[in-house]
Amino acid sequence: MTNAGNTQSFISPSLEMAELDLIIIGAGPIGLACGLEAKKAGLSYIILEKGALVNSLYNYPINMTFFSTSERLEVGGVPFVSNNPKPTRSEALEYYRRIAISFGLKINLFEEVLKVEKVTKGFTVTTIKQDYKAANIVIATGFYDIPYLLNVPGENLPKVKHYYKDPHYYAFQKVLVIGAANSAIDVALETWRKGAEVIMVIKSDKISDRVKYWVKPDIDNRIEESSIKAYFNSTVAEIREHEVDINTPEGLVTVQNDWVLAMTGYQPNMKFLKDIGIALSDDEVLCPIVNEETQETNVPGVYLAGVICGGMNTHRLFIENSRVHAERIIENILAKQ
């Protein structure tokens, strides 16, 4: 890939109300893949993103390493060359940024979509900046925007964080980490290595089986040697300015605390889908009803791509097994034309 130099070349500052073939909501890896396929097919399109380019990846911890190998994160058939067996967050950000620049993708960043309305012909999309018209809509918004809340007293205190960036910030602090999956384990180990006094609260009886295989022995050993204190089968009861109450099998435990890092997971914006009229399964997964051959929903002309297709089950779809969604969608749009 070549570097176009001026990044403004692919960011569209404004579009008139002429009807587009396609509006893609979300500039994550799968949204970019949809843009690549749309451009290849000669369709008029725009990608709208409420945050930065690949916003969810940007919000990952600074030192994060992917579970997947680099080739599984590729889009558009463009090689992702990494210096490591498992690529890092910074390498992924660079890769997707160069994808956007090299292919001149039309992307409007920091432009949140407020609503999508069906009109006589196609759709009207209203953002915080302007209105657009499009014959088709692709929603590729992922699931990283809405954290699962604890719903306990004190959760709204400034010391409680649902996102985590850099371990240095918590050096020499009393840190309580909630969760047992990859994010929680990374946070616990990284902050401990920077000198934090770390306590983990885990609602199950063990560390998650999904934890990266090269990390699990590390956290198991730290817990076994009591470098990191872990309360299993436990939940947080209340958070106060300098303390946290924990419900444990042995009863209520109160610990001194400076920061609570709630790595409890995230969920897609299902209300946004409901407001458009997209049908969801009637179980707790709330899985959108999608034609798996075309990715089209029950609303003709509205397609879903990527992780959001799994509803509340955010562990079923990843970049590597949802890249094909882009091809299915564009093939279906072309077939209709």
Protein backbone atom coordinates (compact mmCIF):
# COMPACT_ATOMS: atom_id res chain seq x y z
CA MET A 1 0.00 0.00 0.00
CA THR A 2 1.13 3.52 -0.65
CA ASN A 3 0.75 6.42 1.70
CA ALA A 4 -1.40 9.15 0.21
CA GLY A 5 0.17 11.65 2.59
CA ASN A 6 -2.77 14.01 3.05
CA THR A 7 -5.40 12.22 5.15
CA GLN A 8 -8.01 14.81 4.24
CA SER A 9 -8.20 13.18 0.81
CA PHE A 10 -10.47 10.43 2.07
CA ILE A 11 -12.58 12.30 4.62
CA SER A 12 -15.63 13.88 3.05
CA PRO A 13 -16.46 17.16 4.78
CA SER A 14 -20.02 17.30 3.45
CA LEU A 15 -22.40 15.69 1.01
CA GLU A 16 -25.41 17.25 -0.67
CA MET A 17 -28.81 15.61 -0.32
CA ALA A 18 -28.38 13.67 -3.56
CA GLU A 19 -29.33 10.05 -2.95
CA LEU A 20 -26.47 7.65 -2.35
CA ASP A 21 -26.52 3.97 -3.17
CA LEU A 22 -25.35 3.15 0.32
CA ILE A 23 -24.67 4.60 3.76
CA ILE A 24 -22.45 2.55 6.06
CA ILE A 25 -22.81 3.30 9.77
CA GLY A 26 -19.61 2.45 11.62
CA ALA A 27 -15.97 2.79 10.51
CA GLY A 28 -14.63 -0.28 12.24
CA PRO A 29 -12.84 -3.02 10.30
CA ILE A 30 -16.09 -4.47 8.92
CA GLY A 31 -17.46 -1.03 8.04
CA LEU A 32 -14.23 -0.37 6.13
CA ALA A 33 -14.60 -3.75 4.40
CA CYS A 34 -18.09 -2.72 3.28
CA GLY A 35 -16.69 0.56 1.98
CA LEU A 36 -13.98 -1.26 0.03
CA GLU A 37 -16.56 -3.55 -1.61
CA ALA A 38 -18.88 -0.63 -2.39
CA LYS A 39 -16.07 1.33 -4.03
CA LYS A 40 -14.95 -1.74 -6.00
CA ALA A 41 -18.52 -2.13 -7.28
CA GLY A 42 -18.77 1.52 -8.32
CA LEU A 43 -21.50 2.36 -5.82
CA SER A 44 -21.90 5.83 -4.31
CA TYR A 45 -21.47 5.60 -0.55
CA ILE A 46 -20.34 7.28 2.63
CA ILE A 47 -19.13 5.76 5.91
CA LEU A 48 -20.38 7.58 9.00
CA GLU A 49 -18.56 7.12 12.31
CA LYS A 50 -19.43 8.75 15.62
CA GLY A 51 -15.84 8.58 16.89
CA ALA A 52 -12.34 8.06 15.56
CA LEU A 53 -11.41 5.70 12.75
CA VAL A 54 -11.87 2.10 14.02
CA ASN A 55 -13.11 3.69 17.22
CA SER A 56 -13.54 0.47 19.19
CA LEU A 57 -9.93 -0.57 18.49
CA TYR A 58 -8.76 2.91 19.46
CA ASN A 59 -10.46 2.45 22.84
CA TYR A 60 -8.66 -0.82 23.53
CA PRO A 61 -5.88 -0.70 26.18
CA ILE A 62 -2.67 0.82 24.85
CA ASN A 63 -0.64 -2.38 25.34
CA MET A 64 -3.28 -4.81 24.07
CA THR A 65 -2.27 -7.80 21.94
CA PHE A 66 -4.86 -9.49 19.75
CA PHE A 67 -5.79 -13.13 20.16
CA SER A 68 -5.97 -13.47 16.36
CA THR A 69 -3.01 -13.55 14.02
CA SER A 70 -2.59 -10.62 11.65
CA GLU A 71 -3.95 -12.36 8.53
CA ARG A 72 -7.28 -12.89 10.30
CA LEU A 73 -7.64 -9.14 10.78
CA GLU A 74 -7.13 -8.32 7.09
CA VAL A 75 -9.83 -6.66 4.99
CA GLY A 76 -10.08 -6.19 1.25
CA GLY A 77 -7.40 -8.79 0.62
CA VAL A 78 -4.70 -6.35 1.76
CA PRO A 79 -1.87 -8.05 3.74
CA PHE A 80 -1.48 -7.06 7.38
CA VAL A 81 2.23 -7.37 8.17
CA SER A 82 3.04 -7.53 11.89
CA ASN A 83 6.37 -7.63 13.70
CA ASN A 84 4.88 -9.98 16.27
CA PRO A 85 3.24 -13.44 16.27
CA LYS A 86 0.10 -11.66 17.50
CA PRO A 87 -0.47 -8.10 16.30
CA THR A 88 -0.77 -5.19 18.71
CA ARG A 89 -3.34 -2.43 18.99
CA SER A 90 -0.94 0.15 17.54
CA GLU A 91 -0.19 -2.09 14.53
CA ALA A 92 -3.91 -2.58 13.89
CA LEU A 93 -4.61 1.16 14.06
CA GLU A 94 -1.82 1.79 11.55
CA TYR A 95 -3.07 -0.97 9.23
CA TYR A 96 -6.67 0.27 9.09
CA ARG A 97 -5.60 3.89 8.77
CA ARG A 98 -3.48 2.99 5.75
CA ILE A 99 -6.40 1.03 4.29
CA ALA A 100 -8.57 4.16 4.52
CA ILE A 101 -5.89 6.40 3.01
CA SER A 102 -4.68 4.08 0.26
CA PHE A 103 -8.15 3.32 -1.08
CA GLY A 104 -9.45 6.85 -0.64
CA LEU A 105 -12.46 5.67 1.33
CA LYS A 106 -15.17 8.28 1.90
CA ILE A 107 -15.45 8.55 5.68
CA ASN A 108 -16.96 11.21 7.91
CA LEU A 109 -15.52 10.85 11.40
CA PHE A 110 -16.98 12.21 14.64
CA GLU A 111 -20.41 12.37 13.01
CA GLU A 112 -22.90 10.39 15.08
CA VAL A 113 -26.03 9.03 13.41
CA LEU A 114 -29.11 10.07 15.38
CA LYS A 115 -31.81 8.27 13.42
CA VAL A 116 -32.61 6.34 10.25
CA GLU A 117 -36.05 6.83 8.73
CA LYS A 118 -37.74 4.93 5.92
CA VAL A 119 -39.13 7.28 3.29
CA THR A 120 -41.00 6.73 0.03
CA LYS A 121 -37.81 5.91 -1.76
CA GLY A 122 -34.95 4.67 0.36
CA PHE A 123 -33.94 6.22 3.69
CA THR A 124 -33.14 9.52 5.33
CA VAL A 125 -30.22 9.41 7.76
CA THR A 126 -29.94 12.24 10.27
CA THR A 127 -26.61 12.89 11.95
CA ILE A 128 -25.41 15.54 14.38
CA LYS A 129 -24.26 17.54 11.33
CA GLN A 130 -26.67 17.01 8.43
CA ASP A 131 -29.17 14.77 6.65
CA TYR A 132 -28.41 12.19 3.97
CA LYS A 133 -30.50 10.15 1.56
CA ALA A 134 -29.61 6.59 0.60
CA ALA A 135 -31.19 3.64 -1.14
CA ASN A 136 -29.56 1.18 1.28
CA ILE A 137 -28.16 1.20 4.81
CA VAL A 138 -25.46 -1.00 6.34
CA ILE A 139 -25.16 -1.02 10.13
CA ALA A 140 -21.71 -2.16 11.28
CA THR A 141 -21.57 -0.54 14.70
CA GLY A 142 -20.03 -3.34 16.76
CA PHE A 143 -20.66 -3.58 20.49
CA TYR A 144 -18.02 -1.55 22.36
CA ASP A 145 -20.01 1.60 23.07
CA ILE A 146 -22.29 0.54 25.95
CA PRO A 147 -20.74 -1.10 29.03
CA TYR A 148 -22.65 -3.53 31.21
CA LEU A 149 -23.33 -1.68 34.43
CA LEU A 150 -22.93 -3.08 37.93
CA ASN A 151 -26.13 -1.42 39.16
CA VAL A 152 -24.76 -0.96 42.67
CA PRO A 153 -24.59 2.11 44.93
CA GLY A 154 -21.56 4.26 44.14
CA GLU A 155 -21.11 3.13 40.55
CA ASN A 156 -21.40 6.75 39.41
CA LEU A 157 -18.37 7.86 41.44
CA PRO A 158 -15.45 9.24 39.36
CA LYS A 159 -13.20 6.43 40.65
CA VAL A 160 -15.25 3.82 38.75
CA LYS A 161 -14.10 3.20 35.17
CA HIS A 162 -15.61 0.91 32.53
CA TYR A 163 -12.80 1.61 30.06
CA TYR A 164 -9.06 1.25 30.62
CA LYS A 165 -6.12 2.66 28.68
CA ASP A 166 -2.76 2.81 30.46
CA PRO A 167 -1.50 0.98 33.59
CA HIS A 168 0.90 3.76 34.65
CA TYR A 169 -2.04 5.90 35.78
CA TYR A 170 -2.77 3.38 38.54
CA ALA A 171 0.79 2.96 39.84
CA PHE A 172 0.96 2.53 43.65
CA GLN A 173 -2.84 2.71 43.93
CA LYS A 174 -5.35 0.30 45.47
CA VAL A 175 -7.14 -1.07 42.41
CA LEU A 176 -10.18 -3.35 42.38
CA VAL A 177 -10.75 -5.14 39.06
CA ILE A 178 -14.14 -6.69 38.30
CA GLY A 179 -14.34 -9.52 35.77
CA ALA A 180 -12.61 -12.74 34.74
CA ALA A 181 -12.20 -12.48 30.95
CA ASN A 182 -9.34 -11.11 28.84
CA SER A 183 -9.86 -7.41 29.59
CA ALA A 184 -10.01 -7.93 33.35
CA ILE A 185 -6.97 -10.21 33.39
CA ASP A 186 -4.90 -7.79 31.30
CA VAL A 187 -5.87 -4.89 33.57
CA ALA A 188 -5.07 -6.84 36.73
CA LEU A 189 -1.65 -7.98 35.52
CA GLU A 190 -0.62 -4.68 33.94
CA THR A 191 -1.57 -2.50 36.91
CA TRP A 192 0.04 -4.97 39.35
CA ARG A 193 3.29 -4.78 37.38
CA LYS A 194 3.21 -0.98 37.74
CA GLY A 195 3.07 -1.29 41.50
CA ALA A 196 -0.69 -1.26 42.14
CA GLU A 197 -2.20 -3.29 44.96
CA VAL A 198 -4.72 -5.36 42.97
CA ILE A 199 -7.86 -7.12 44.15
CA MET A 200 -10.08 -9.02 41.70
CA VAL A 201 -13.81 -9.70 42.13
CA ILE A 202 -14.99 -12.65 40.03
CA LYS A 203 -18.61 -13.80 40.07
CA SER A 204 -17.79 -17.34 38.90
CA ASP A 205 -15.55 -19.93 40.53
CA LYS A 206 -12.64 -19.57 38.09
CA ILE A 207 -10.89 -17.47 35.47
CA SER A 208 -12.72 -17.51 32.12
CA ASP A 209 -11.82 -20.28 29.68
CA ARG A 210 -11.61 -17.62 26.95
CA VAL A 211 -8.56 -15.96 28.50
CA LYS A 212 -5.58 -15.94 26.11
CA TYR A 213 -3.64 -19.17 26.58
CA TRP A 214 -0.28 -17.41 27.03
CA VAL A 215 -1.74 -15.13 29.74
CA LYS A 216 -3.73 -17.62 31.84
CA PRO A 217 -0.72 -19.24 33.58
CA ASP A 218 0.50 -15.78 34.56
CA ILE A 219 -2.72 -14.76 36.31
CA ASP A 220 -3.14 -18.21 37.89
CA ASN A 221 0.36 -17.97 39.37
CA ARG A 222 -0.13 -14.41 40.64
CA ILE A 223 -3.35 -15.42 42.39
CA GLU A 224 -1.83 -18.60 43.80
CA GLU A 225 1.11 -16.73 45.31
CA SER A 226 -1.28 -14.03 46.63
CA SER A 227 0.42 -11.24 44.67
CA ILE A 228 -3.08 -10.53 43.36
CA LYS A 229 -5.97 -11.20 45.73
CA ALA A 230 -9.00 -12.79 44.02
CA TYR A 231 -12.49 -13.18 45.48
CA PHE A 232 -14.27 -15.93 43.51
CA ASN A 233 -18.04 -16.48 43.53
CA SER A 234 -18.26 -12.87 44.63
CA THR A 235 -19.87 -9.58 43.60
CA VAL A 236 -19.51 -5.92 44.50
CA ALA A 237 -22.19 -4.74 46.94
CA GLU A 238 -21.37 -1.04 47.29
CA ILE A 239 -18.68 1.42 46.25
CA ARG A 240 -17.66 4.37 48.41
CA GLU A 241 -15.02 7.05 48.06
CA HIS A 242 -12.28 5.06 49.80
CA GLU A 243 -13.84 1.60 50.27
CA VAL A 244 -15.66 -1.18 48.45
CA ASP A 245 -17.99 -3.77 49.98
CA ILE A 246 -17.77 -7.25 48.43
CA ASN A 247 -20.29 -10.05 48.78
CA THR A 248 -18.23 -13.23 49.23
CA PRO A 249 -19.19 -16.83 50.15
CA GLU A 250 -17.77 -16.10 53.63
CA GLY A 251 -19.86 -12.93 54.03
CA LEU A 252 -19.46 -9.21 53.43
CA VAL A 253 -15.86 -8.01 53.07
CA THR A 254 -14.83 -4.34 53.07
CA VAL A 255 -11.56 -3.35 51.37
CA GLN A 256 -9.69 -0.08 51.10
CA ASN A 257 -9.77 1.23 47.54
CA ASP A 258 -8.70 4.06 45.23
CA TRP A 259 -10.02 2.86 41.84
CA VAL A 260 -12.63 0.40 40.56
CA LEU A 261 -12.01 -0.90 37.02
CA ALA A 262 -15.21 -2.68 35.96
CA MET A 263 -14.22 -4.88 33.03
CA THR A 264 -17.70 -6.38 32.83
CA GLY A 265 -18.08 -6.36 29.05
CA TYR A 266 -19.99 -4.31 26.53
CA GLN A 267 -23.17 -4.59 24.50
CA PRO A 268 -24.47 -3.40 21.12
CA ASN A 269 -26.99 -0.58 20.84
CA MET A 270 -30.11 -2.70 20.40
CA LYS A 271 -32.41 0.31 20.83
CA PHE A 272 -30.97 1.81 17.66
CA LEU A 273 -31.91 -1.35 15.74
CA LYS A 274 -35.40 -1.47 17.28
CA ASP A 275 -36.05 2.17 16.38
CA ILE A 276 -35.34 1.36 12.73
CA GLY A 277 -37.81 -1.54 12.91
CA ILE A 278 -35.34 -4.43 12.80
CA ALA A 279 -36.81 -7.60 14.29
CA LEU A 280 -34.95 -9.26 17.15
CA SER A 281 -35.19 -12.75 18.60
CA ASP A 282 -37.51 -12.99 21.60
CA ASP A 283 -34.88 -14.53 23.90
CA GLU A 284 -32.23 -12.84 26.03
CA VAL A 285 -29.74 -12.83 23.15
CA LEU A 286 -31.89 -10.37 21.14
CA CYS A 287 -30.31 -11.65 17.95
CA PRO A 288 -31.30 -9.54 14.91
CA ILE A 289 -33.26 -11.45 12.27
CA VAL A 290 -30.94 -11.45 9.25
CA ASN A 291 -30.91 -13.35 5.96
CA GLU A 292 -27.56 -15.13 6.27
CA GLU A 293 -27.12 -15.27 2.49
CA THR A 294 -27.51 -11.51 1.99
CA GLN A 295 -27.21 -9.95 5.50
CA GLU A 296 -30.49 -8.10 4.85
CA THR A 297 -32.84 -7.58 7.78
CA ASN A 298 -36.64 -7.67 7.79
CA VAL A 299 -36.48 -4.00 6.75
CA PRO A 300 -35.78 -4.13 2.99
CA GLY A 301 -32.64 -2.22 2.17
CA VAL A 302 -31.20 -2.35 5.72
CA TYR A 303 -28.27 -4.72 6.21
CA LEU A 304 -26.22 -5.72 9.24
CA ALA A 305 -22.51 -6.56 9.17
CA GLY A 306 -20.04 -7.73 11.77
CA VAL A 307 -20.38 -8.44 15.47
CA ILE A 308 -23.77 -6.75 15.79
CA CYS A 309 -25.34 -9.66 13.89
CA GLY A 310 -24.87 -11.76 17.03
CA GLY A 311 -27.00 -9.53 19.23
CA MET A 312 -26.05 -9.75 22.89
CA ASN A 313 -23.84 -12.75 22.14
CA THR A 314 -20.73 -10.72 21.41
CA HIS A 315 -18.40 -13.74 21.37
CA ARG A 316 -19.81 -15.43 18.26
CA LEU A 317 -18.61 -13.12 15.49
CA PHE A 318 -15.19 -11.55 15.00
CA ILE A 319 -13.35 -9.75 12.21
CA GLU A 320 -12.12 -13.02 10.69
CA ASN A 321 -15.54 -14.68 10.40
CA SER A 322 -17.59 -11.62 9.46
CA ARG A 323 -15.45 -10.07 6.72
CA VAL A 324 -17.57 -12.03 4.24
CA HIS A 325 -20.60 -9.96 5.23
CA ALA A 326 -19.34 -7.07 3.10
CA GLU A 327 -19.23 -9.22 -0.03
CA ARG A 328 -22.72 -10.64 0.58
CA ILE A 329 -24.23 -7.19 1.08
CA ILE A 330 -22.74 -5.57 -2.02
CA GLU A 331 -23.60 -8.62 -4.17
CA ASN A 332 -27.23 -8.35 -3.04
CA ILE A 333 -27.42 -4.61 -3.68
CA LEU A 334 -25.99 -5.07 -7.17
CA ALA A 335 -28.40 -7.91 -7.87
CA LYS A 336 -31.36 -5.67 -6.95
CA GLN A 337 -30.11 -2.90 -9.21
